[in-house]
Amino acid sequence: PLAHLGHRLTAVDKSSIALAAFHHPNIVHACHDLETAAWP
């Protein structure tokens, strides 16, 4: 919804399956486990 309003997003999740479920030109996906990996 925020991307549809014209905002630019970096969407971070540890699940590549969840990230693959949505797309928008204003969204950059980043697959990272923030609990076990270094800050990306």
PDB file of all heavy atoms in Angstrom:
ATOM      1  N   PRO A   1       0.814  -1.217   0.000  1.00  0.00           N
ATOM      2  CA  PRO A   1       0.000   0.000   0.000  1.00  0.00           C
ATOM      3  C   PRO A   1       0.852   1.273   0.000  1.00  0.00           C
ATOM      4  O   PRO A   1       0.495   2.264  -0.648  1.00  0.00           O
ATOM      5  CB  PRO A   1      -0.842  -0.093   1.265  1.00  0.00           C
ATOM      6  CG  PRO A   1      -0.638  -1.433   1.834  1.00  0.00           C
ATOM      7  CD  PRO A   1       0.503  -2.087   1.123  1.00  0.00           C
ATOM      8  N   LEU A   2       1.983   1.246   0.704  1.00  0.00           N
ATOM      9  CA  LEU A   2       2.847   2.426   0.731  1.00  0.00           C
ATOM     10  C   LEU A   2       3.501   2.659  -0.631  1.00  0.00           C
ATOM     11  O   LEU A   2       3.626   3.790  -1.082  1.00  0.00           O
ATOM     12  CB  LEU A   2       3.890   2.280   1.827  1.00  0.00           C
ATOM     13  CG  LEU A   2       3.327   2.280   3.261  1.00  0.00           C
ATOM     14  CD1 LEU A   2       4.408   1.901   4.261  1.00  0.00           C
ATOM     15  CD2 LEU A   2       2.705   3.621   3.600  1.00  0.00           C
ATOM     16  N   ALA A   3       3.885   1.589  -1.301  1.00  0.00           N
ATOM     17  CA  ALA A   3       4.454   1.714  -2.645  1.00  0.00           C
ATOM     18  C   ALA A   3       3.421   2.265  -3.622  1.00  0.00           C
ATOM     19  O   ALA A   3       3.735   3.103  -4.471  1.00  0.00           O
ATOM     20  CB  ALA A   3       4.979   0.369  -3.132  1.00  0.00           C
ATOM     21  N   HIS A   4       2.183   1.824  -3.486  1.00  0.00           N
ATOM     22  CA  HIS A   4       1.115   2.329  -4.358  1.00  0.00           C
ATOM     23  C   HIS A   4       0.872   3.820  -4.137  1.00  0.00           C
ATOM     24  O   HIS A   4       0.382   4.506  -5.039  1.00  0.00           O
ATOM     25  CB  HIS A   4      -0.179   1.545  -4.143  1.00  0.00           C
ATOM     26  CG  HIS A   4      -0.163   0.175  -4.739  1.00  0.00           C
ATOM     27  ND1 HIS A   4      -0.047  -0.070  -6.083  1.00  0.00           N
ATOM     28  CD2 HIS A   4      -0.245  -1.055  -4.151  1.00  0.00           C
ATOM     29  CE1 HIS A   4      -0.058  -1.363  -6.322  1.00  0.00           C
ATOM     30  NE2 HIS A   4      -0.157  -1.989  -5.152  1.00  0.00           N
ATOM     31  N   LEU A   5       1.220   4.317  -2.963  1.00  0.00           N
ATOM     32  CA  LEU A   5       1.084   5.748  -2.676  1.00  0.00           C
ATOM     33  C   LEU A   5       2.289   6.549  -3.174  1.00  0.00           C
ATOM     34  O   LEU A   5       2.337   7.757  -2.986  1.00  0.00           O
ATOM     35  CB  LEU A   5       0.889   5.970  -1.175  1.00  0.00           C
ATOM     36  CG  LEU A   5      -0.443   5.471  -0.609  1.00  0.00           C
ATOM     37  CD1 LEU A   5      -0.436   5.562   0.913  1.00  0.00           C
ATOM     38  CD2 LEU A   5      -1.597   6.273  -1.203  1.00  0.00           C
ATOM     39  N   GLY A   6       3.261   5.877  -3.761  1.00  0.00           N
ATOM     40  CA  GLY A   6       4.409   6.564  -4.339  1.00  0.00           C
ATOM     41  C   GLY A   6       5.673   6.540  -3.509  1.00  0.00           C
ATOM     42  O   GLY A   6       6.680   7.141  -3.897  1.00  0.00           O
ATOM     43  N   HIS A   7       5.646   5.882  -2.362  1.00  0.00           N
ATOM     44  CA  HIS A   7       6.843   5.797  -1.529  1.00  0.00           C
ATOM     45  C   HIS A   7       7.779   4.716  -2.073  1.00  0.00           C
ATOM     46  O   HIS A   7       7.359   3.802  -2.772  1.00  0.00           O
ATOM     47  CB  HIS A   7       6.462   5.498  -0.076  1.00  0.00           C
ATOM     48  CG  HIS A   7       5.572   6.544   0.511  1.00  0.00           C
ATOM     49  ND1 HIS A   7       5.995   7.832   0.765  1.00  0.00           N
ATOM     50  CD2 HIS A   7       4.264   6.519   0.858  1.00  0.00           C
ATOM     51  CE1 HIS A   7       5.008   8.537   1.264  1.00  0.00           C
ATOM     52  NE2 HIS A   7       3.936   7.764   1.327  1.00  0.00           N
ATOM     53  N   ARG A   8       9.060   4.834  -1.749  1.00  0.00           N
ATOM     54  CA  ARG A   8      10.082   3.866  -2.155  1.00  0.00           C
ATOM     55  C   ARG A   8      10.432   3.011  -0.947  1.00  0.00           C
ATOM     56  O   ARG A   8      10.752   3.556   0.111  1.00  0.00           O
ATOM     57  CB  ARG A   8      11.323   4.595  -2.674  1.00  0.00           C
ATOM     58  CG  ARG A   8      11.048   5.372  -3.956  1.00  0.00           C
ATOM     59  CD  ARG A   8      12.175   6.335  -4.301  1.00  0.00           C
ATOM     60  NE  ARG A   8      12.073   7.522  -3.436  1.00  0.00           N
ATOM     61  CZ  ARG A   8      12.959   7.872  -2.509  1.00  0.00           C
ATOM     62  NH1 ARG A   8      14.050   7.192  -2.331  1.00  0.00           N
ATOM     63  NH2 ARG A   8      12.772   8.949  -1.777  1.00  0.00           N
ATOM     64  N   LEU A   9      10.337   1.709  -1.099  1.00  0.00           N
ATOM     65  CA  LEU A   9      10.535   0.822   0.040  1.00  0.00           C
ATOM     66  C   LEU A   9      11.676  -0.149  -0.143  1.00  0.00           C
ATOM     67  O   LEU A   9      11.926  -0.610  -1.255  1.00  0.00           O
ATOM     68  CB  LEU A   9       9.257   0.004   0.291  1.00  0.00           C
ATOM     69  CG  LEU A   9       8.178   0.838   0.979  1.00  0.00           C
ATOM     70  CD1 LEU A   9       7.190   1.354   0.009  1.00  0.00           C
ATOM     71  CD2 LEU A   9       7.580   0.093   2.111  1.00  0.00           C
ATOM     72  N   THR A  10      12.324  -0.452   0.974  1.00  0.00           N
ATOM     73  CA  THR A  10      13.224  -1.584   1.071  1.00  0.00           C
ATOM     74  C   THR A  10      12.515  -2.556   1.997  1.00  0.00           C
ATOM     75  O   THR A  10      12.288  -2.252   3.170  1.00  0.00           O
ATOM     76  CB  THR A  10      14.598  -1.179   1.637  1.00  0.00           C
ATOM     77  OG1 THR A  10      15.192  -0.239   0.749  1.00  0.00           O
ATOM     78  CG2 THR A  10      15.501  -2.386   1.791  1.00  0.00           C
ATOM     79  N   ALA A  11      12.110  -3.689   1.455  1.00  0.00           N
ATOM     80  CA  ALA A  11      11.350  -4.684   2.198  1.00  0.00           C
ATOM     81  C   ALA A  11      12.281  -5.831   2.571  1.00  0.00           C
ATOM     82  O   ALA A  11      12.821  -6.504   1.702  1.00  0.00           O
ATOM     83  CB  ALA A  11      10.186  -5.189   1.349  1.00  0.00           C
ATOM     84  N   VAL A  12      12.481  -6.036   3.875  1.00  0.00           N
ATOM     85  CA  VAL A  12      13.423  -7.042   4.368  1.00  0.00           C
ATOM     86  C   VAL A  12      12.662  -8.149   5.094  1.00  0.00           C
ATOM     87  O   VAL A  12      11.819  -7.868   5.955  1.00  0.00           O
ATOM     88  CB  VAL A  12      14.453  -6.411   5.336  1.00  0.00           C
ATOM     89  CG1 VAL A  12      15.421  -7.450   5.858  1.00  0.00           C
ATOM     90  CG2 VAL A  12      15.182  -5.256   4.670  1.00  0.00           C
ATOM     91  N   ASP A  13      12.971  -9.379   4.735  1.00  0.00           N
ATOM     92  CA  ASP A  13      12.398 -10.529   5.435  1.00  0.00           C
ATOM     93  C   ASP A  13      13.366 -11.694   5.278  1.00  0.00           C
ATOM     94  O   ASP A  13      14.135 -11.737   4.320  1.00  0.00           O
ATOM     95  CB  ASP A  13      11.029 -10.900   4.869  1.00  0.00           C
ATOM     96  CG  ASP A  13      10.214 -11.722   5.865  1.00  0.00           C
ATOM     97  OD1 ASP A  13      10.416 -12.946   5.960  1.00  0.00           O
ATOM     98  OD2 ASP A  13       9.388 -11.112   6.573  1.00  0.00           O
ATOM     99  N   LYS A  14      13.310 -12.642   6.206  1.00  0.00           N
ATOM    100  CA  LYS A  14      14.190 -13.808   6.093  1.00  0.00           C
ATOM    101  C   LYS A  14      13.620 -14.866   5.154  1.00  0.00           C
ATOM    102  O   LYS A  14      14.309 -15.791   4.774  1.00  0.00           O
ATOM    103  CB  LYS A  14      14.482 -14.413   7.469  1.00  0.00           C
ATOM    104  CG  LYS A  14      13.307 -15.058   8.151  1.00  0.00           C
ATOM    105  CD  LYS A  14      13.734 -15.617   9.495  1.00  0.00           C
ATOM    106  CE  LYS A  14      12.597 -16.288  10.208  1.00  0.00           C
ATOM    107  NZ  LYS A  14      13.040 -16.849  11.495  1.00  0.00           N
ATOM    108  N   SER A  15      12.367 -14.717   4.756  1.00  0.00           N
ATOM    109  CA  SER A  15      11.718 -15.700   3.896  1.00  0.00           C
ATOM    110  C   SER A  15      11.703 -15.250   2.431  1.00  0.00           C
ATOM    111  O   SER A  15      11.002 -14.297   2.074  1.00  0.00           O
ATOM    112  CB  SER A  15      10.278 -15.944   4.356  1.00  0.00           C
ATOM    113  OG  SER A  15       9.589 -16.733   3.404  1.00  0.00           O
ATOM    114  N   SER A  16      12.447 -15.946   1.611  1.00  0.00           N
ATOM    115  CA  SER A  16      12.430 -15.641   0.179  1.00  0.00           C
ATOM    116  C   SER A  16      11.065 -15.966  -0.425  1.00  0.00           C
ATOM    117  O   SER A  16      10.634 -15.321  -1.392  1.00  0.00           O
ATOM    118  CB  SER A  16      13.529 -16.411  -0.551  1.00  0.00           C
ATOM    119  OG  SER A  16      13.357 -17.801  -0.388  1.00  0.00           O
ATOM    120  N   ILE A  17      10.356 -16.915   0.165  1.00  0.00           N
ATOM    121  CA  ILE A  17       9.013 -17.260  -0.313  1.00  0.00           C
ATOM    122  C   ILE A  17       8.056 -16.101  -0.060  1.00  0.00           C
ATOM    123  O   ILE A  17       7.261 -15.736  -0.933  1.00  0.00           O
ATOM    124  CB  ILE A  17       8.514 -18.555   0.354  1.00  0.00           C
ATOM    125  CG1 ILE A  17       9.393 -19.732  -0.080  1.00  0.00           C
ATOM    126  CG2 ILE A  17       7.045 -18.822   0.040  1.00  0.00           C
ATOM    127  CD1 ILE A  17       9.180 -21.005   0.695  1.00  0.00           C
ATOM    128  N   ALA A  18       8.121 -15.502   1.127  1.00  0.00           N
ATOM    129  CA  ALA A  18       7.264 -14.352   1.429  1.00  0.00           C
ATOM    130  C   ALA A  18       7.586 -13.191   0.493  1.00  0.00           C
ATOM    131  O   ALA A  18       6.684 -12.546  -0.051  1.00  0.00           O
ATOM    132  CB  ALA A  18       7.435 -13.931   2.883  1.00  0.00           C
ATOM    133  N   LEU A  19       8.859 -12.927   0.277  1.00  0.00           N
ATOM    134  CA  LEU A  19       9.251 -11.819  -0.601  1.00  0.00           C
ATOM    135  C   LEU A  19       8.794 -12.041  -2.039  1.00  0.00           C
ATOM    136  O   LEU A  19       8.451 -11.087  -2.733  1.00  0.00           O
ATOM    137  CB  LEU A  19      10.768 -11.617  -0.553  1.00  0.00           C
ATOM    138  CG  LEU A  19      11.325 -11.097   0.774  1.00  0.00           C
ATOM    139  CD1 LEU A  19      12.844 -11.163   0.757  1.00  0.00           C
ATOM    140  CD2 LEU A  19      10.840  -9.688   1.059  1.00  0.00           C
ATOM    141  N   ALA A  20       8.772 -13.280  -2.467  1.00  0.00           N
ATOM    142  CA  ALA A  20       8.353 -13.588  -3.840  1.00  0.00           C
ATOM    143  C   ALA A  20       6.852 -13.393  -4.039  1.00  0.00           C
ATOM    144  O   ALA A  20       6.382 -13.353  -5.176  1.00  0.00           O
ATOM    145  CB  ALA A  20       8.744 -15.012  -4.196  1.00  0.00           C
ATOM    146  N   ALA A  21       6.113 -13.227  -2.956  1.00  0.00           N
ATOM    147  CA  ALA A  21       4.659 -13.119  -3.038  1.00  0.00           C
ATOM    148  C   ALA A  21       4.174 -11.734  -3.471  1.00  0.00           C
ATOM    149  O   ALA A  21       2.998 -11.567  -3.768  1.00  0.00           O
ATOM    150  CB  ALA A  21       4.029 -13.478  -1.688  1.00  0.00           C
ATOM    151  N   PHE A  22       5.066 -10.749  -3.505  1.00  0.00           N
ATOM    152  CA  PHE A  22       4.624  -9.403  -3.888  1.00  0.00           C
ATOM    153  C   PHE A  22       5.707  -8.689  -4.674  1.00  0.00           C
ATOM    154  O   PHE A  22       6.891  -8.907  -4.472  1.00  0.00           O
ATOM    155  CB  PHE A  22       4.203  -8.589  -2.659  1.00  0.00           C
ATOM    156  CG  PHE A  22       5.316  -8.255  -1.705  1.00  0.00           C
ATOM    157  CD1 PHE A  22       5.912  -7.006  -1.727  1.00  0.00           C
ATOM    158  CD2 PHE A  22       5.764  -9.179  -0.778  1.00  0.00           C
ATOM    159  CE1 PHE A  22       6.929  -6.684  -0.847  1.00  0.00           C
ATOM    160  CE2 PHE A  22       6.784  -8.870   0.114  1.00  0.00           C
ATOM    161  CZ  PHE A  22       7.355  -7.608   0.070  1.00  0.00           C
ATOM    162  N   HIS A  23       5.258  -7.832  -5.579  1.00  0.00           N
ATOM    163  CA  HIS A  23       6.166  -7.061  -6.430  1.00  0.00           C
ATOM    164  C   HIS A  23       5.576  -5.695  -6.708  1.00  0.00           C
ATOM    165  O   HIS A  23       4.360  -5.542  -6.801  1.00  0.00           O
ATOM    166  CB  HIS A  23       6.401  -7.776  -7.768  1.00  0.00           C
ATOM    167  CG  HIS A  23       6.989  -9.135  -7.614  1.00  0.00           C
ATOM    168  ND1 HIS A  23       8.325  -9.335  -7.391  1.00  0.00           N
ATOM    169  CD2 HIS A  23       6.414 -10.356  -7.627  1.00  0.00           C
ATOM    170  CE1 HIS A  23       8.553 -10.627  -7.272  1.00  0.00           C
ATOM    171  NE2 HIS A  23       7.409 -11.267  -7.407  1.00  0.00           N
ATOM    172  N   HIS A  24       6.418  -4.723  -6.816  1.00  0.00           N
ATOM    173  CA  HIS A  24       6.035  -3.368  -7.211  1.00  0.00           C
ATOM    174  C   HIS A  24       7.326  -2.664  -7.611  1.00  0.00           C
ATOM    175  O   HIS A  24       8.369  -2.880  -6.988  1.00  0.00           O
ATOM    176  CB  HIS A  24       5.358  -2.629  -6.047  1.00  0.00           C
ATOM    177  CG  HIS A  24       4.748  -1.336  -6.441  1.00  0.00           C
ATOM    178  ND1 HIS A  24       5.492  -0.192  -6.606  1.00  0.00           N
ATOM    179  CD2 HIS A  24       3.466  -1.007  -6.718  1.00  0.00           C
ATOM    180  CE1 HIS A  24       4.679   0.798  -6.958  1.00  0.00           C
ATOM    181  NE2 HIS A  24       3.452   0.323  -7.039  1.00  0.00           N
ATOM    182  N   PRO A  25       7.280  -1.807  -8.628  1.00  0.00           N
ATOM    183  CA  PRO A  25       8.514  -1.124  -9.057  1.00  0.00           C
ATOM    184  C   PRO A  25       9.159  -0.262  -7.971  1.00  0.00           C
ATOM    185  O   PRO A  25      10.354   0.006  -8.029  1.00  0.00           O
ATOM    186  CB  PRO A  25       8.071  -0.258 -10.233  1.00  0.00           C
ATOM    187  CG  PRO A  25       6.706  -0.685 -10.596  1.00  0.00           C
ATOM    188  CD  PRO A  25       6.141  -1.492  -9.480  1.00  0.00           C
ATOM    189  N   ASN A  26       8.393   0.162  -6.969  1.00  0.00           N
ATOM    190  CA  ASN A  26       8.931   1.006  -5.896  1.00  0.00           C
ATOM    191  C   ASN A  26       9.483   0.199  -4.728  1.00  0.00           C
ATOM    192  O   ASN A  26       9.853   0.781  -3.711  1.00  0.00           O
ATOM    193  CB  ASN A  26       7.854   1.955  -5.365  1.00  0.00           C
ATOM    194  CG  ASN A  26       7.509   3.053  -6.332  1.00  0.00           C
ATOM    195  OD1 ASN A  26       8.095   3.176  -7.403  1.00  0.00           O
ATOM    196  ND2 ASN A  26       6.524   3.861  -5.985  1.00  0.00           N
ATOM    197  N   ILE A  27       9.518  -1.118  -4.855  1.00  0.00           N
ATOM    198  CA  ILE A  27       9.966  -1.972  -3.751  1.00  0.00           C
ATOM    199  C   ILE A  27      11.214  -2.744  -4.144  1.00  0.00           C
ATOM    200  O   ILE A  27      11.252  -3.400  -5.177  1.00  0.00           O
ATOM    201  CB  ILE A  27       8.863  -2.968  -3.332  1.00  0.00           C
ATOM    202  CG1 ILE A  27       7.613  -2.226  -2.856  1.00  0.00           C
ATOM    203  CG2 ILE A  27       9.379  -3.897  -2.232  1.00  0.00           C
ATOM    204  CD1 ILE A  27       6.437  -3.128  -2.564  1.00  0.00           C
ATOM    205  N   VAL A  28      12.226  -2.642  -3.278  1.00  0.00           N
ATOM    206  CA  VAL A  28      13.434  -3.457  -3.402  1.00  0.00           C
ATOM    207  C   VAL A  28      13.363  -4.508  -2.307  1.00  0.00           C
ATOM    208  O   VAL A  28      13.174  -4.177  -1.135  1.00  0.00           O
ATOM    209  CB  VAL A  28      14.712  -2.588  -3.227  1.00  0.00           C
ATOM    210  CG1 VAL A  28      15.948  -3.464  -3.190  1.00  0.00           C
ATOM    211  CG2 VAL A  28      14.798  -1.547  -4.310  1.00  0.00           C
ATOM    212  N   HIS A  29      13.489  -5.777  -2.686  1.00  0.00           N
ATOM    213  CA  HIS A  29      13.467  -6.874  -1.726  1.00  0.00           C
ATOM    214  C   HIS A  29      14.881  -7.160  -1.217  1.00  0.00           C
ATOM    215  O   HIS A  29      15.841  -7.083  -1.981  1.00  0.00           O
ATOM    216  CB  HIS A  29      12.933  -8.157  -2.369  1.00  0.00           C
ATOM    217  CG  HIS A  29      11.510  -8.082  -2.770  1.00  0.00           C
ATOM    218  ND1 HIS A  29      11.124  -8.062  -4.068  1.00  0.00           N
ATOM    219  CD2 HIS A  29      10.378  -8.023  -2.032  1.00  0.00           C
ATOM    220  CE1 HIS A  29       9.805  -7.996  -4.128  1.00  0.00           C
ATOM    221  NE2 HIS A  29       9.328  -7.969  -2.908  1.00  0.00           N
ATOM    222  N   ALA A  30      14.969  -7.519   0.070  1.00  0.00           N
ATOM    223  CA  ALA A  30      16.241  -7.936   0.659  1.00  0.00           C
ATOM    224  C   ALA A  30      15.954  -9.128   1.568  1.00  0.00           C
ATOM    225  O   ALA A  30      15.227  -9.000   2.553  1.00  0.00           O
ATOM    226  CB  ALA A  30      16.870  -6.796   1.444  1.00  0.00           C
ATOM    227  N   CYS A  31      16.490 -10.274   1.213  1.00  0.00           N
ATOM    228  CA  CYS A  31      16.280 -11.486   1.996  1.00  0.00           C
ATOM    229  C   CYS A  31      17.430 -11.630   2.994  1.00  0.00           C
ATOM    230  O   CYS A  31      18.563 -11.948   2.608  1.00  0.00           O
ATOM    231  CB  CYS A  31      16.194 -12.699   1.071  1.00  0.00           C
ATOM    232  SG  CYS A  31      15.693 -14.201   1.925  1.00  0.00           S
ATOM    233  N   HIS A  32      17.138 -11.378   4.270  1.00  0.00           N
ATOM    234  CA  HIS A  32      18.146 -11.446   5.336  1.00  0.00           C
ATOM    235  C   HIS A  32      17.494 -11.919   6.623  1.00  0.00           C
ATOM    236  O   HIS A  32      16.379 -11.504   6.936  1.00  0.00           O
ATOM    237  CB  HIS A  32      18.779 -10.077   5.604  1.00  0.00           C
ATOM    238  CG  HIS A  32      19.568  -9.542   4.473  1.00  0.00           C
ATOM    239  ND1 HIS A  32      20.811 -10.028   4.129  1.00  0.00           N
ATOM    240  CD2 HIS A  32      19.297  -8.576   3.580  1.00  0.00           C
ATOM    241  CE1 HIS A  32      21.266  -9.368   3.083  1.00  0.00           C
ATOM    242  NE2 HIS A  32      20.355  -8.479   2.729  1.00  0.00           N
ATOM    243  N   ASP A  33      18.194 -12.725   7.376  1.00  0.00           N
ATOM    244  CA  ASP A  33      17.765 -13.121   8.714  1.00  0.00           C
ATOM    245  C   ASP A  33      18.424 -12.146   9.678  1.00  0.00           C
ATOM    246  O   ASP A  33      19.613 -12.267   9.984  1.00  0.00           O
ATOM    247  CB  ASP A  33      18.169 -14.564   9.012  1.00  0.00           C
ATOM    248  CG  ASP A  33      17.628 -15.044  10.344  1.00  0.00           C
ATOM    249  OD1 ASP A  33      17.218 -14.206  11.183  1.00  0.00           O
ATOM    250  OD2 ASP A  33      17.612 -16.271  10.561  1.00  0.00           O
ATOM    251  N   LEU A  34      17.673 -11.185  10.138  1.00  0.00           N
ATOM    252  CA  LEU A  34      18.217 -10.120  10.976  1.00  0.00           C
ATOM    253  C   LEU A  34      18.592 -10.594  12.377  1.00  0.00           C
ATOM    254  O   LEU A  34      19.287  -9.891  13.094  1.00  0.00           O
ATOM    255  CB  LEU A  34      17.218  -8.970  11.066  1.00  0.00           C
ATOM    256  CG  LEU A  34      16.915  -8.296   9.725  1.00  0.00           C
ATOM    257  CD1 LEU A  34      15.754  -7.325   9.867  1.00  0.00           C
ATOM    258  CD2 LEU A  34      18.142  -7.586   9.194  1.00  0.00           C
ATOM    259  N   GLU A  35      18.135 -11.773  12.753  1.00  0.00           N
ATOM    260  CA  GLU A  35      18.456 -12.291  14.086  1.00  0.00           C
ATOM    261  C   GLU A  35      19.782 -13.029  14.127  1.00  0.00           C
ATOM    262  O   GLU A  35      20.383 -13.166  15.185  1.00  0.00           O
ATOM    263  CB  GLU A  35      17.325 -13.193  14.576  1.00  0.00           C
ATOM    264  CG  GLU A  35      16.031 -12.429  14.790  1.00  0.00           C
ATOM    265  CD  GLU A  35      14.888 -13.323  15.227  1.00  0.00           C
ATOM    266  OE1 GLU A  35      15.096 -14.537  15.416  1.00  0.00           O
ATOM    267  OE2 GLU A  35      13.782 -12.798  15.365  1.00  0.00           O
ATOM    268  N   THR A  36      20.261 -13.522  12.986  1.00  0.00           N
ATOM    269  CA  THR A  36      21.476 -14.321  12.997  1.00  0.00           C
ATOM    270  C   THR A  36      22.585 -13.775  12.101  1.00  0.00           C
ATOM    271  O   THR A  36      23.721 -14.232  12.203  1.00  0.00           O
ATOM    272  CB  THR A  36      21.182 -15.772  12.563  1.00  0.00           C
ATOM    273  OG1 THR A  36      20.660 -15.763  11.233  1.00  0.00           O
ATOM    274  CG2 THR A  36      20.172 -16.435  13.488  1.00  0.00           C
ATOM    275  N   ALA A  37      22.272 -12.847  11.227  1.00  0.00           N
ATOM    276  CA  ALA A  37      23.273 -12.332  10.293  1.00  0.00           C
ATOM    277  C   ALA A  37      23.622 -10.885  10.634  1.00  0.00           C
ATOM    278  O   ALA A  37      22.910 -10.212  11.388  1.00  0.00           O
ATOM    279  CB  ALA A  37      22.740 -12.416   8.861  1.00  0.00           C
ATOM    280  N   ALA A  38      24.704 -10.413  10.072  1.00  0.00           N
ATOM    281  CA  ALA A  38      25.114  -9.019  10.276  1.00  0.00           C
ATOM    282  C   ALA A  38      24.097  -8.082   9.619  1.00  0.00           C
ATOM    283  O   ALA A  38      23.405  -8.453   8.671  1.00  0.00           O
ATOM    284  CB  ALA A  38      26.498  -8.800   9.663  1.00  0.00           C
ATOM    285  N   TRP A  39      24.021  -6.876  10.131  1.00  0.00           N
ATOM    286  CA  TRP A  39      23.111  -5.861   9.593  1.00  0.00           C
ATOM    287  C   TRP A  39      23.449  -5.619   8.122  1.00  0.00           C
ATOM    288  O   TRP A  39      24.569  -5.239   7.797  1.00  0.00           O
ATOM    289  CB  TRP A  39      23.234  -4.574  10.394  1.00  0.00           C
ATOM    290  CG  TRP A  39      22.348  -3.473   9.906  1.00  0.00           C
ATOM    291  CD1 TRP A  39      22.753  -2.322   9.306  1.00  0.00           C
ATOM    292  CD2 TRP A  39      20.920  -3.408   9.970  1.00  0.00           C
ATOM    293  NE1 TRP A  39      21.664  -1.542   8.985  1.00  0.00           N
ATOM    294  CE2 TRP A  39      20.524  -2.195   9.384  1.00  0.00           C
ATOM    295  CE3 TRP A  39      19.937  -4.266  10.451  1.00  0.00           C
ATOM    296  CZ2 TRP A  39      19.197  -1.816   9.287  1.00  0.00           C
ATOM    297  CZ3 TRP A  39      18.617  -3.887  10.346  1.00  0.00           C
ATOM    298  CH2 TRP A  39      18.264  -2.669   9.774  1.00  0.00           C
ATOM    299  N   PRO A  40      22.482  -5.839   7.219  1.00  0.00           N
ATOM    300  CA  PRO A  40      22.786  -5.767   5.777  1.00  0.00           C
ATOM    301  C   PRO A  40      22.698  -4.379   5.164  1.00  0.00           C
ATOM    302  O   PRO A  40      23.036  -4.206   4.002  1.00  0.00           O
ATOM    303  CB  PRO A  40      21.699  -6.671   5.179  1.00  0.00           C
ATOM    304  CG  PRO A  40      20.541  -6.480   6.095  1.00  0.00           C
ATOM    305  CD  PRO A  40      21.157  -6.345   7.471  1.00  0.00           C
TER     306      PRO A  40
END
